[in-house]
Structures are given as C-alpha cells and as structure tokens.
C-alpha cells in the first residue's frame, strides 16, 4: 500500500482536494442567505389607462379615446400642491378652462361654446403662470397671472372670445388672485397680500369684492367676508380638492367614501354646510391637483383628470 501511495501520490492529493472543495460547496449551499422573491406587479391602472372624449388638455382640440376602465379616486395624491387647473363659466354653453403653468412655463387656455362637448384652443394670454381665469358680468373673459419675463402680476382681458387679449393692469388693485411667485399668497381687493393658510393656497373661489374662499394645502377651507382682512376656518367634509363660487356661497369638490367619484358640497356665505348633503359626480380619475369646478346658477361643471362632466339642474343629473 505504501508503495502504491508513493507511486500515485499526485492522484491522492487530487482526490483529497476534490473532497475538501465539495465540502466547502455543500457548506455554502446550506448557509446561503434566502433571497426574497420578486414582488408581484402592481394591479393599479396607470394614468394612461383612462381618457375621455370631451376633455383634451389645453393646446389640443382633437378628441381622445373613451375610458378603458374605471379608476378609484386617489385621495391624497400629491397632497398640498396648488391646483394645476382653472375653470370658469360665462353662460350655460360657453366656458373657459386653463392649465396654470409656472413662472417658467406658460399656462394654456381653451374655450367651449357647446357646454363642454368640444374645447378649442385660443390665442395665449401670454401669462406664466395663470393664477385666475374668470368672466365679467358682460360675459367677457379675463385672466390674471405672471408677465412673461418677470412673473409679475398682469391682468389680461378679451372681448373677442380669446382671439386677442389686452392688458389692463389697473384692474389688479381691485381683484382677488393667487400671487404669481409665492404659492402661499393671495392678493385682495383691499390691495394687501394675505396669507390665509400659513401653507400654500391650493385654490381660490371669488364671490365678489368682499367675499372669497381659499382651499389650503392642509385640506382646510377658509373664507373671508371683509376683502381678505380676516379669514374664518370652515368645516369642510372629507378631503376637499377644489372650490368654486356659487350664489350666496361656495361649492366644494371632495373625495369621499360616500361617492364613487367626486362629492360636491354646498357651503353658504357664512361657512356652514348647505342643505341637500352630498351630490355625487361620476368621474373615475381623481388627482387632487387635477380637479377644477365652476358654477353659475343651476349649472355646475367639473373637470377631473381627462374627464369633463356638467349638470344643468344643480347636480341632480350629470352629462358628459
């Protein structure tokens, strides 16, 4: 045997080495850490999964595809950020909508003459951003926002249904508007810069020179009855995402468990909930920063995500 080992010593060394290596590999296999299995893909639909035939973004007049599937309202998405949209009604069939933009990105405006069935782009008022769009009693439209190069506030108005715009900055002194460079500020008809929320102002609804309401970044609603000299916090239901003026008060759009879509609540001029409870708006895509509402008499318009809805009977029935 000793002679065999001496004559075959390199074979013995090789076999021994293989045995040691095999033991090491077995040990590593036993002691290896467990690796978690890959997570399942999310079943939540993407923003592109739902579009509308009536709500193309400003700058486009071509219709888009119908919604492919419903989506659950996304309460709390991007909480606290100011609204990216504005909406105004000048008659039961004519209205205006705008994207806000920023000091470095111009807002865009569209008009409808058929109750929101179709929207057409208009000549840009050349405001960056647009912080308010509204209509005067004679039906003309005006927009307030930042001048193109300085972002200082400017007042633009159109008597040609948006084909051209004129500047009249003298109107700023008596107007309500969100300030262009500071999301916390509101300019009031008293000529003062007010900070009603502490944090950012998400939305502004104006009734007249003395009365207005703001939606704050913390979800609270505050109203003023003295041209912004003082603000009163009101009790708003659930998560309020947009505000609009209403005869003798305001209407608030909310994300609520009681509605499969958006809820609309009436707030009277002294900050108390109006009669009638919640009206439900059948929309499927709700991002709090992508909701705008407008009201005039019994007409209520809602622009939420890619969808547009309108009611001509105070919210009892809704049309696309």
Protein backbone atom coordinates (compact mmCIF):
# COMPACT_ATOMS: atom_id res chain seq x y z
CA UNK A 1 0.00 0.00 0.00
CA UNK A 2 2.78 2.42 0.90
CA UNK A 3 4.35 1.68 -2.47
CA UNK A 4 1.03 2.40 -4.21
CA UNK A 5 0.59 5.69 -2.39
CA UNK A 6 4.18 6.68 -3.12
CA UNK A 7 3.73 5.81 -6.78
CA UNK A 8 0.35 7.57 -7.02
CA UNK A 9 0.82 10.49 -4.60
CA UNK A 10 -0.46 13.12 -7.06
CA UNK A 11 -3.70 11.18 -7.57
CA UNK A 12 -4.20 11.03 -3.79
CA UNK A 13 -3.62 14.79 -3.49
CA UNK A 14 -6.11 15.46 -6.28
CA UNK A 15 -8.82 13.28 -4.73
CA UNK A 16 -8.30 14.90 -1.32
CA UNK A 17 -8.57 18.35 -2.84
CA UNK A 18 -11.81 17.48 -4.57
CA UNK A 19 -13.27 16.15 -1.31
CA UNK A 20 -12.37 19.39 0.51
CA UNK A 21 -13.83 21.55 -2.30
CA UNK A 22 -17.02 19.50 -2.29
CA UNK A 23 -17.38 20.01 1.47
CA UNK A 24 -16.92 23.76 1.11
CA UNK A 25 -19.57 23.98 -1.61
CA UNK A 26 -22.04 21.95 0.45
CA UNK A 27 -21.47 24.28 3.43
CA UNK A 28 -22.05 27.38 1.35
CA UNK A 29 -25.24 25.89 -0.07
CA UNK A 30 -26.62 25.17 3.40
CA UNK A 31 -25.65 28.53 4.87
CA UNK A 32 -26.55 30.79 1.91
CA UNK A 33 -29.00 33.67 2.72
CA UNK A 34 -32.55 33.45 1.43
CA UNK A 35 -33.36 35.86 -1.39
CA UNK A 36 -36.84 37.32 -1.44
CA UNK A 37 -38.98 36.54 -4.44
CA UNK A 38 -39.66 39.45 -6.83
CA UNK A 39 -42.73 41.50 -5.90
CA UNK A 40 -45.85 41.00 -7.97
CA UNK A 41 -46.51 43.79 -10.43
CA UNK A 42 -48.97 46.41 -9.19
CA UNK A 43 -52.54 45.88 -10.30
CA UNK A 44 -53.31 49.62 -10.13
CA UNK A 45 -54.09 51.16 -13.53
CA UNK A 46 -51.74 53.77 -14.94
CA UNK A 47 -52.71 57.35 -15.67
CA UNK A 48 -52.82 56.50 -19.38
CA UNK A 49 -55.43 53.80 -18.81
CA UNK A 50 -58.29 56.31 -18.76
CA UNK A 51 -59.03 59.09 -21.23
CA UNK A 52 -62.12 60.99 -22.33
CA UNK A 53 -63.89 62.11 -25.45
CA UNK A 54 -64.61 65.57 -24.04
CA UNK A 55 -61.61 66.64 -22.02
CA UNK A 56 -58.50 67.12 -24.11
CA UNK A 57 -55.71 69.08 -22.43
CA UNK A 58 -55.39 72.76 -23.36
CA UNK A 59 -53.42 73.07 -26.56
CA UNK A 60 -55.18 70.15 -28.28
CA UNK A 61 -58.58 70.18 -29.96
CA UNK A 62 -58.68 66.58 -31.14
CA UNK A 63 -60.84 64.07 -29.21
CA UNK A 64 -59.20 61.21 -27.36
CA UNK A 65 -60.32 57.63 -26.76
CA UNK A 66 -63.07 56.69 -24.32
CA UNK A 67 -62.08 55.47 -20.85
CA UNK A 68 -60.83 51.89 -20.97
CA UNK A 69 -61.52 51.08 -17.32
CA UNK A 70 -62.73 52.81 -14.15
CA UNK A 71 -60.28 54.02 -11.57
CA UNK A 72 -60.69 54.58 -7.87
CA UNK A 73 -60.33 58.19 -6.69
CA UNK A 74 -56.78 58.65 -5.46
CA UNK A 75 -57.33 60.53 -2.24
CA UNK A 76 -54.18 62.26 -1.05
CA UNK A 77 -52.22 62.01 -4.31
CA UNK A 78 -49.58 64.74 -4.27
CA UNK A 79 -51.18 66.31 -1.17
CA UNK A 80 -50.89 70.01 -0.56
CA UNK A 81 -49.79 71.17 -4.01
CA UNK A 82 -51.72 74.04 -5.62
CA UNK A 83 -54.25 73.14 -8.28
CA UNK A 84 -52.92 72.85 -11.83
CA UNK A 85 -56.28 73.74 -13.41
CA UNK A 86 -58.81 76.55 -13.63
CA UNK A 87 -62.41 76.56 -14.88
CA UNK A 88 -64.95 79.36 -15.46
CA UNK A 89 -68.49 79.60 -16.88
CA UNK A 90 -69.79 82.60 -18.82
CA UNK A 91 -73.13 81.06 -19.90
CA UNK A 92 -74.88 77.70 -19.90
CA UNK A 93 -72.92 76.72 -23.02
CA UNK A 94 -69.80 78.88 -23.03
CA UNK A 95 -66.94 78.42 -20.62
CA UNK A 96 -63.20 78.59 -20.21
CA UNK A 97 -60.57 76.29 -18.81
CA UNK A 98 -56.85 76.72 -18.33
CA UNK A 99 -53.75 74.98 -17.14
CA UNK A 100 -51.92 77.08 -14.57
CA UNK A 101 -48.31 76.68 -15.70
CA UNK A 102 -45.47 78.34 -13.76
CA UNK A 103 -43.14 81.30 -13.92
CA UNK A 104 -41.04 79.28 -16.37
CA UNK A 105 -43.89 77.52 -18.18
CA UNK A 106 -46.78 79.33 -19.81
CA UNK A 107 -50.35 78.36 -18.99
CA UNK A 108 -52.78 77.48 -21.79
CA UNK A 109 -56.44 78.40 -22.31
CA UNK A 110 -59.34 76.72 -24.13
CA UNK A 111 -62.95 77.77 -24.77
CA UNK A 112 -66.14 75.79 -25.31
CA UNK A 113 -69.30 77.05 -26.98
CA UNK A 114 -71.32 73.85 -26.64
CA UNK A 115 -71.35 73.13 -22.93
CA UNK A 116 -68.02 71.31 -22.86
CA UNK A 117 -68.65 68.79 -25.63
CA UNK A 118 -65.72 70.24 -27.55
CA UNK A 119 -62.89 72.54 -26.50
CA UNK A 120 -60.85 74.78 -28.77
CA UNK A 121 -57.52 76.46 -28.00
CA UNK A 122 -57.47 80.26 -28.04
CA UNK A 123 -54.70 82.77 -28.52
CA UNK A 124 -52.44 82.63 -25.49
CA UNK A 125 -52.81 85.49 -22.99
CA UNK A 126 -49.03 85.10 -22.54
CA UNK A 127 -49.16 84.60 -18.79
CA UNK A 128 -46.71 82.43 -16.86
CA UNK A 129 -48.41 81.20 -14.71
CA UNK A 130 -52.18 81.80 -14.93
CA UNK A 131 -53.47 82.06 -11.36
CA UNK A 132 -57.08 83.08 -12.05
CA UNK A 133 -59.45 82.92 -15.03
CA UNK A 134 -62.97 84.27 -14.73
CA UNK A 135 -65.73 86.09 -16.55
CA UNK A 136 -67.19 89.56 -16.07
CA UNK A 137 -70.91 90.27 -15.92
CA UNK A 138 -70.96 91.13 -19.62
CA UNK A 139 -69.55 87.68 -20.46
CA UNK A 140 -66.04 88.81 -21.35
CA UNK A 141 -63.19 86.72 -20.02
CA UNK A 142 -60.20 87.88 -18.01
CA UNK A 143 -57.06 86.15 -16.80
CA UNK A 144 -54.56 87.13 -14.11
CA UNK A 145 -51.07 85.71 -13.95
CA UNK A 146 -47.39 86.37 -14.39
CA UNK A 147 -45.78 88.54 -17.05
CA UNK A 148 -43.70 86.53 -19.48
CA UNK A 149 -40.24 87.77 -18.46
CA UNK A 150 -40.68 88.94 -14.85
CA UNK A 151 -43.54 86.79 -13.48
CA UNK A 152 -45.02 89.98 -12.00
CA UNK A 153 -48.80 90.04 -11.94
CA UNK A 154 -50.66 91.14 -15.05
CA UNK A 155 -54.36 91.49 -15.89
CA UNK A 156 -55.45 90.38 -19.36
CA UNK A 157 -58.95 90.51 -20.83
CA UNK A 158 -60.56 89.51 -24.11
CA UNK A 159 -63.68 90.83 -25.81
CA UNK A 160 -63.13 88.59 -28.85
CA UNK A 161 -63.66 85.17 -27.28
CA UNK A 162 -59.93 84.71 -26.85
CA UNK A 163 -58.81 85.67 -30.35
CA UNK A 164 -56.88 88.58 -28.84
CA UNK A 165 -56.04 89.84 -25.36
CA UNK A 166 -55.47 93.32 -23.97
CA UNK A 167 -53.61 94.33 -20.81
CA UNK A 168 -55.31 96.39 -18.11
CA UNK A 169 -53.14 96.21 -15.01
CA UNK A 170 -55.18 98.96 -13.31
CA UNK A 171 -57.75 96.21 -12.58
CA UNK A 172 -55.29 94.35 -10.36
CA UNK A 173 -55.83 96.76 -7.46
CA UNK A 174 -59.46 95.66 -7.05
CA UNK A 175 -59.03 91.97 -7.83
CA UNK A 176 -58.57 88.74 -5.94
CA UNK A 177 -55.87 86.41 -7.26
CA UNK A 178 -53.27 83.93 -6.11
CA UNK A 179 -49.86 85.55 -6.18
CA UNK A 180 -47.70 84.52 -9.10
CA UNK A 181 -44.37 83.88 -7.38
CA UNK A 182 -45.40 82.75 -3.91
CA UNK A 183 -47.94 79.90 -3.60
CA UNK A 184 -48.72 80.98 -0.03
CA UNK A 185 -50.06 84.40 -1.01
CA UNK A 186 -53.37 85.89 -2.14
CA UNK A 187 -53.79 89.45 -3.36
CA UNK A 188 -57.01 91.04 -2.16
CA UNK A 189 -59.22 93.89 -3.42
CA UNK A 190 -58.03 95.83 -0.38
CA UNK A 191 -54.62 95.98 -2.06
CA UNK A 192 -52.99 93.73 0.51
CA UNK A 193 -51.05 90.48 0.24
CA UNK A 194 -52.72 87.99 2.53
CA UNK A 195 -51.51 84.59 3.71
CA UNK A 196 -54.76 82.94 4.75
CA UNK A 197 -53.43 79.39 5.05
CA UNK A 198 -49.97 79.52 6.59
CA UNK A 199 -49.01 76.98 3.94
CA UNK A 200 -49.78 77.00 0.22
CA UNK A 201 -53.10 78.12 -1.26
CA UNK A 202 -54.41 75.27 -3.40
CA UNK A 203 -57.47 77.01 -4.83
CA UNK A 204 -59.34 80.32 -4.73
CA UNK A 205 -63.07 81.00 -5.25
CA UNK A 206 -64.32 84.57 -5.53
CA UNK A 207 -67.92 85.70 -4.97
CA UNK A 208 -67.46 89.47 -5.00
CA UNK A 209 -65.13 92.19 -3.77
CA UNK A 210 -65.71 91.36 -0.10
CA UNK A 211 -66.27 87.60 -0.21
CA UNK A 212 -63.87 84.81 -1.22
CA UNK A 213 -62.75 81.38 -0.03
CA UNK A 214 -59.46 79.50 -0.24
CA UNK A 215 -58.54 75.83 -0.11
CA UNK A 216 -55.34 75.36 1.88
CA UNK A 217 -52.59 72.80 1.47
CA UNK A 218 -53.60 71.15 4.75
CA UNK A 219 -57.07 70.47 3.33
CA UNK A 220 -58.88 73.18 5.28
CA UNK A 221 -61.21 75.77 3.75
CA UNK A 222 -61.14 79.38 4.92
CA UNK A 223 -63.35 82.24 3.85
CA UNK A 224 -63.23 85.99 4.13
CA UNK A 225 -66.12 88.44 4.31
CA UNK A 226 -64.02 91.61 4.52
CA UNK A 227 -61.82 91.64 1.41
CA UNK A 228 -59.18 89.41 2.94
CA UNK A 229 -58.54 91.37 6.13
CA UNK A 230 -59.57 88.32 8.17
CA UNK A 231 -60.20 84.64 7.44
CA UNK A 232 -62.53 82.15 9.10
CA UNK A 233 -61.91 78.42 9.01
CA UNK A 234 -64.97 76.42 7.98
CA UNK A 235 -65.85 72.78 8.40
CA UNK A 236 -65.30 71.04 5.07
CA UNK A 237 -66.29 67.39 4.52
CA UNK A 238 -63.73 64.66 3.84
CA UNK A 239 -60.89 65.71 1.52
CA UNK A 240 -61.66 68.93 -0.34
CA UNK A 241 -59.84 69.13 -3.68
CA UNK A 242 -61.39 72.17 -5.44
CA UNK A 243 -63.60 75.21 -4.79
CA UNK A 244 -65.92 77.38 -6.84
CA UNK A 245 -68.23 80.26 -6.10
CA UNK A 246 -71.95 79.71 -6.01
CA UNK A 247 -74.87 82.01 -5.50
CA UNK A 248 -74.52 83.28 -1.91
CA UNK A 249 -71.77 80.83 -1.12
CA UNK A 250 -69.42 78.16 -2.47
CA UNK A 251 -69.36 74.62 -3.79
CA UNK A 252 -66.56 72.27 -2.70
CA UNK A 253 -65.44 69.15 -4.58
CA UNK A 254 -64.39 66.37 -2.23
CA UNK A 255 -63.04 62.84 -2.28
CA UNK A 256 -65.46 60.94 -0.08
CA UNK A 257 -66.31 57.32 0.72
CA UNK A 258 -69.98 58.09 0.15
CA UNK A 259 -69.42 58.71 -3.57
CA UNK A 260 -67.98 56.59 -6.36
CA UNK A 261 -66.30 59.64 -7.86
CA UNK A 262 -66.34 63.19 -6.51
CA UNK A 263 -68.71 64.60 -3.94
CA UNK A 264 -69.97 68.18 -4.17
CA UNK A 265 -70.92 70.06 -1.02
CA UNK A 266 -72.57 73.46 -0.79
CA UNK A 267 -71.07 75.92 1.70
CA UNK A 268 -73.13 79.02 2.45
CA UNK A 269 -71.75 82.51 2.77
CA UNK A 270 -71.07 82.19 6.49
CA UNK A 271 -69.22 78.91 6.21
CA UNK A 272 -71.94 76.43 7.13
CA UNK A 273 -72.84 73.36 5.04
CA UNK A 274 -75.81 74.00 2.79
CA UNK A 275 -78.91 71.84 2.55
CA UNK A 276 -79.04 68.72 0.45
CA UNK A 277 -75.95 66.81 1.57
CA UNK A 278 -73.52 65.41 -0.99
CA UNK A 279 -74.09 65.36 -4.74
CA UNK A 280 -72.01 62.68 -6.46
CA UNK A 281 -70.20 63.36 -9.73
CA UNK A 282 -69.50 60.20 -11.78
CA UNK A 283 -65.81 60.63 -12.58
CA UNK A 284 -63.24 57.85 -12.36
CA UNK A 285 -59.86 59.62 -12.36
CA UNK A 286 -59.31 61.92 -9.40
CA UNK A 287 -55.97 63.52 -8.65
CA UNK A 288 -56.43 66.38 -6.15
CA UNK A 289 -54.28 68.76 -8.19
CA UNK A 290 -56.10 67.95 -11.45
CA UNK A 291 -59.63 68.92 -10.44
CA UNK A 292 -61.41 72.19 -11.24
CA UNK A 293 -65.06 73.11 -10.79
CA UNK A 294 -67.23 76.06 -11.81
CA UNK A 295 -70.79 77.04 -11.00
CA UNK A 296 -73.30 79.54 -12.35
CA UNK A 297 -76.93 79.31 -11.27
CA UNK A 298 -78.02 75.68 -11.64
CA UNK A 299 -75.13 74.91 -13.99
CA UNK A 300 -72.12 73.10 -12.50
CA UNK A 301 -69.09 71.98 -14.46
CA UNK A 302 -66.42 69.54 -13.25
CA UNK A 303 -63.06 68.90 -14.94
CA UNK A 304 -61.28 65.98 -13.29
CA UNK A 305 -58.30 64.26 -14.88
CA UNK A 306 -59.21 63.50 -18.51
CA UNK A 307 -62.94 63.74 -17.83
CA UNK A 308 -65.46 66.57 -18.07
CA UNK A 309 -68.95 66.46 -16.55
CA UNK A 310 -71.72 69.06 -16.47
CA UNK A 311 -75.04 69.44 -14.73
CA UNK A 312 -77.79 71.89 -15.62
CA UNK A 313 -80.06 71.04 -12.68
CA UNK A 314 -77.87 71.80 -9.69
CA UNK A 315 -76.09 68.44 -9.66
CA UNK A 316 -79.04 66.04 -9.73
CA UNK A 317 -78.07 64.70 -13.16
CA UNK A 318 -74.73 64.69 -14.96
CA UNK A 319 -73.89 64.78 -18.64
CA UNK A 320 -70.62 64.16 -20.46
